[in-house]
Amino acid sequence: MAESKLRQLLHNLDTELQKTPGLDEKQRQQIASIRQEVAAVLAEMGSPAQSKDRIGEAVGLFETSHPQLTLILEQVIDTLAGMGL
């Protein structure tokens, strides 16, 4: 259940990134890195604790300028936590 939710959140993140104006290249790279880490967690190859920390850092950077991205990232963190990761 949580795995399918994470997959859906990754899809939502990709969709939101496509329609979010004003992201600079560094911000896009940071989101891409986070997306890869979450995908690695799904593939049981990544470090979940490190991924949650990096996602948390991104939330702080995007919370005022891109609230929809922030919401999706917070949902990813909650889902990882719900999985016990």
N, C-alpha and C. Protein backbone atom coordinates (compact mmCIF):
# COMPACT_ATOMS: atom_id res chain seq x y z
N MET A 1 0.82 -1.19 0.00
CA MET A 1 0.00 0.00 0.00
C MET A 1 0.87 1.26 0.00
N ALA A 2 1.83 1.33 0.93
CA ALA A 2 2.69 2.51 0.99
C ALA A 2 3.55 2.61 -0.26
N GLU A 3 3.96 1.46 -0.80
CA GLU A 3 4.78 1.49 -2.02
C GLU A 3 3.99 2.10 -3.18
N SER A 4 2.74 1.72 -3.32
CA SER A 4 1.94 2.30 -4.41
C SER A 4 1.69 3.79 -4.18
N LYS A 5 1.56 4.19 -2.91
CA LYS A 5 1.39 5.61 -2.61
C LYS A 5 2.66 6.39 -2.99
N LEU A 6 3.83 5.83 -2.67
CA LEU A 6 5.07 6.49 -3.04
C LEU A 6 5.20 6.61 -4.55
N ARG A 7 4.83 5.56 -5.26
CA ARG A 7 4.87 5.62 -6.73
C ARG A 7 3.94 6.71 -7.25
N GLN A 8 2.76 6.83 -6.66
CA GLN A 8 1.81 7.87 -7.08
C GLN A 8 2.36 9.25 -6.75
N LEU A 9 3.00 9.39 -5.60
CA LEU A 9 3.58 10.68 -5.23
C LEU A 9 4.72 11.07 -6.17
N LEU A 10 5.51 10.09 -6.59
CA LEU A 10 6.56 10.38 -7.57
C LEU A 10 5.96 10.85 -8.88
N HIS A 11 4.88 10.23 -9.27
CA HIS A 11 4.18 10.66 -10.48
C HIS A 11 3.65 12.09 -10.31
N ASN A 12 3.04 12.36 -9.14
CA ASN A 12 2.54 13.71 -8.86
C ASN A 12 3.67 14.74 -8.88
N LEU A 13 4.80 14.36 -8.34
CA LEU A 13 5.96 15.25 -8.31
C LEU A 13 6.42 15.56 -9.74
N ASP A 14 6.50 14.53 -10.57
CA ASP A 14 6.89 14.74 -11.97
C ASP A 14 5.91 15.67 -12.68
N THR A 15 4.63 15.44 -12.46
CA THR A 15 3.60 16.27 -13.09
C THR A 15 3.72 17.71 -12.63
N GLU A 16 3.89 17.91 -11.34
CA GLU A 16 3.99 19.27 -10.79
C GLU A 16 5.24 19.98 -11.30
N LEU A 17 6.33 19.25 -11.42
CA LEU A 17 7.56 19.85 -11.92
C LEU A 17 7.40 20.35 -13.35
N GLN A 18 6.65 19.62 -14.14
CA GLN A 18 6.44 20.02 -15.53
C GLN A 18 5.65 21.31 -15.64
N LYS A 19 4.79 21.58 -14.69
CA LYS A 19 3.95 22.78 -14.80
C LYS A 19 4.34 23.89 -13.82
N THR A 20 5.46 23.73 -13.11
CA THR A 20 5.90 24.74 -12.15
C THR A 20 6.90 25.69 -12.79
N PRO A 21 6.50 26.95 -12.94
CA PRO A 21 7.43 27.93 -13.50
C PRO A 21 8.38 28.45 -12.42
N GLY A 22 9.47 29.01 -12.83
CA GLY A 22 10.33 29.72 -11.89
C GLY A 22 11.33 28.88 -11.14
N LEU A 23 11.47 27.59 -11.47
CA LEU A 23 12.51 26.79 -10.83
C LEU A 23 13.80 26.99 -11.59
N ASP A 24 14.87 27.31 -10.86
CA ASP A 24 16.15 27.43 -11.54
C ASP A 24 16.77 26.04 -11.69
N GLU A 25 17.88 25.97 -12.39
CA GLU A 25 18.50 24.68 -12.68
C GLU A 25 18.92 23.96 -11.39
N LYS A 26 19.43 24.69 -10.42
CA LYS A 26 19.85 24.08 -9.15
C LYS A 26 18.65 23.45 -8.43
N GLN A 27 17.52 24.15 -8.42
CA GLN A 27 16.32 23.62 -7.78
C GLN A 27 15.83 22.37 -8.51
N ARG A 28 15.83 22.41 -9.84
CA ARG A 28 15.41 21.24 -10.62
C ARG A 28 16.32 20.05 -10.36
N GLN A 29 17.63 20.30 -10.24
CA GLN A 29 18.57 19.23 -9.96
C GLN A 29 18.34 18.64 -8.57
N GLN A 30 18.02 19.50 -7.60
CA GLN A 30 17.77 19.02 -6.25
C GLN A 30 16.53 18.13 -6.22
N ILE A 31 15.47 18.55 -6.90
CA ILE A 31 14.26 17.73 -6.96
C ILE A 31 14.55 16.42 -7.69
N ALA A 32 15.31 16.47 -8.77
CA ALA A 32 15.64 15.25 -9.51
C ALA A 32 16.43 14.29 -8.63
N SER A 33 17.34 14.82 -7.82
CA SER A 33 18.11 13.99 -6.92
C SER A 33 17.22 13.33 -5.87
N ILE A 34 16.30 14.10 -5.32
CA ILE A 34 15.36 13.56 -4.33
C ILE A 34 14.50 12.48 -4.97
N ARG A 35 14.03 12.76 -6.19
CA ARG A 35 13.20 11.79 -6.89
C ARG A 35 13.96 10.47 -7.08
N GLN A 36 15.24 10.56 -7.45
CA GLN A 36 16.06 9.36 -7.63
C GLN A 36 16.24 8.61 -6.32
N GLU A 37 16.42 9.34 -5.23
CA GLU A 37 16.59 8.70 -3.93
C GLU A 37 15.34 7.94 -3.52
N VAL A 38 14.18 8.56 -3.74
CA VAL A 38 12.93 7.89 -3.38
C VAL A 38 12.73 6.65 -4.27
N ALA A 39 13.06 6.77 -5.54
CA ALA A 39 12.97 5.62 -6.44
C ALA A 39 13.91 4.51 -5.98
N ALA A 40 15.10 4.89 -5.48
CA ALA A 40 16.04 3.90 -4.97
C ALA A 40 15.50 3.22 -3.72
N VAL A 41 14.84 3.97 -2.87
CA VAL A 41 14.20 3.38 -1.69
C VAL A 41 13.18 2.35 -2.14
N LEU A 42 12.40 2.70 -3.14
CA LEU A 42 11.41 1.76 -3.66
C LEU A 42 12.08 0.50 -4.21
N ALA A 43 13.25 0.66 -4.76
CA ALA A 43 13.98 -0.48 -5.30
C ALA A 43 14.85 -1.15 -4.24
N GLU A 44 14.72 -0.70 -2.98
CA GLU A 44 15.46 -1.23 -1.84
C GLU A 44 16.97 -1.12 -2.00
N MET A 45 17.38 0.03 -2.58
CA MET A 45 18.81 0.24 -2.78
C MET A 45 19.32 1.47 -2.04
N GLY A 46 18.45 2.35 -1.58
CA GLY A 46 18.89 3.61 -1.02
C GLY A 46 18.89 3.62 0.50
N SER A 47 19.31 4.75 1.05
CA SER A 47 19.29 4.96 2.49
C SER A 47 18.07 5.79 2.84
N PRO A 48 17.01 5.16 3.37
CA PRO A 48 15.78 5.91 3.66
C PRO A 48 15.97 7.09 4.59
N ALA A 49 16.78 6.95 5.61
CA ALA A 49 16.97 8.05 6.56
C ALA A 49 17.62 9.24 5.88
N GLN A 50 18.62 8.99 5.06
CA GLN A 50 19.28 10.07 4.34
C GLN A 50 18.31 10.72 3.35
N SER A 51 17.49 9.92 2.69
CA SER A 51 16.51 10.46 1.75
C SER A 51 15.53 11.38 2.46
N LYS A 52 15.05 10.95 3.61
CA LYS A 52 14.09 11.79 4.36
C LYS A 52 14.73 13.11 4.78
N ASP A 53 16.00 13.06 5.17
CA ASP A 53 16.70 14.29 5.55
C ASP A 53 16.81 15.25 4.36
N ARG A 54 17.19 14.72 3.21
CA ARG A 54 17.34 15.57 2.03
C ARG A 54 16.01 16.13 1.57
N ILE A 55 14.96 15.34 1.67
CA ILE A 55 13.63 15.83 1.30
C ILE A 55 13.22 16.94 2.26
N GLY A 56 13.50 16.74 3.55
CA GLY A 56 13.19 17.77 4.54
C GLY A 56 13.90 19.08 4.26
N GLU A 57 15.15 19.01 3.82
CA GLU A 57 15.89 20.22 3.45
C GLU A 57 15.21 20.92 2.26
N ALA A 58 14.76 20.14 1.30
CA ALA A 58 14.10 20.72 0.12
C ALA A 58 12.80 21.38 0.50
N VAL A 59 12.08 20.80 1.44
CA VAL A 59 10.82 21.41 1.89
C VAL A 59 11.08 22.82 2.39
N GLY A 60 12.15 22.97 3.17
CA GLY A 60 12.48 24.30 3.69
C GLY A 60 12.80 25.30 2.59
N LEU A 61 13.40 24.83 1.51
CA LEU A 61 13.76 25.72 0.41
C LEU A 61 12.56 26.12 -0.45
N PHE A 62 11.60 25.22 -0.59
CA PHE A 62 10.50 25.44 -1.51
C PHE A 62 9.20 25.90 -0.86
N GLU A 63 9.11 25.88 0.46
CA GLU A 63 7.82 26.07 1.11
C GLU A 63 7.16 27.41 0.81
N THR A 64 7.90 28.47 0.65
CA THR A 64 7.26 29.76 0.36
C THR A 64 7.10 30.01 -1.13
N SER A 65 8.07 29.55 -1.92
CA SER A 65 8.02 29.86 -3.35
C SER A 65 7.22 28.85 -4.17
N HIS A 66 7.14 27.61 -3.72
CA HIS A 66 6.45 26.57 -4.48
C HIS A 66 5.65 25.67 -3.53
N PRO A 67 4.51 26.15 -3.06
CA PRO A 67 3.77 25.40 -2.05
C PRO A 67 3.27 24.04 -2.52
N GLN A 68 2.95 23.88 -3.79
CA GLN A 68 2.45 22.58 -4.26
C GLN A 68 3.57 21.54 -4.24
N LEU A 69 4.77 21.93 -4.64
CA LEU A 69 5.91 21.02 -4.55
C LEU A 69 6.17 20.64 -3.09
N THR A 70 6.07 21.62 -2.22
CA THR A 70 6.27 21.38 -0.79
C THR A 70 5.28 20.36 -0.27
N LEU A 71 4.04 20.49 -0.65
CA LEU A 71 3.00 19.55 -0.22
C LEU A 71 3.33 18.12 -0.66
N ILE A 72 3.73 17.96 -1.90
CA ILE A 72 4.06 16.63 -2.40
C ILE A 72 5.27 16.07 -1.66
N LEU A 73 6.29 16.88 -1.45
CA LEU A 73 7.47 16.42 -0.73
C LEU A 73 7.13 16.03 0.71
N GLU A 74 6.27 16.79 1.35
CA GLU A 74 5.84 16.44 2.72
C GLU A 74 5.08 15.11 2.72
N GLN A 75 4.30 14.86 1.69
CA GLN A 75 3.58 13.59 1.59
C GLN A 75 4.56 12.44 1.40
N VAL A 76 5.62 12.65 0.64
CA VAL A 76 6.65 11.62 0.48
C VAL A 76 7.29 11.31 1.83
N ILE A 77 7.64 12.35 2.58
CA ILE A 77 8.23 12.14 3.91
C ILE A 77 7.27 11.37 4.80
N ASP A 78 6.01 11.75 4.82
CA ASP A 78 5.02 11.06 5.66
C ASP A 78 4.87 9.60 5.26
N THR A 79 4.88 9.34 3.96
CA THR A 79 4.73 7.98 3.48
C THR A 79 5.94 7.13 3.87
N LEU A 80 7.15 7.70 3.72
CA LEU A 80 8.34 6.98 4.15
C LEU A 80 8.30 6.68 5.65
N ALA A 81 7.87 7.67 6.41
CA ALA A 81 7.76 7.47 7.87
C ALA A 81 6.73 6.39 8.19
N GLY A 82 5.62 6.39 7.45
CA GLY A 82 4.59 5.38 7.66
C GLY A 82 5.07 3.98 7.32
N MET A 83 6.07 3.89 6.46
CA MET A 83 6.65 2.60 6.09
C MET A 83 7.71 2.17 7.11
N GLY A 84 7.94 3.04 8.10
CA GLY A 84 8.94 2.74 9.11
C GLY A 84 10.35 3.02 8.64
N LEU A 85 10.46 3.85 7.63
CA LEU A 85 11.79 4.16 7.08
C LEU A 85 12.26 5.51 7.57
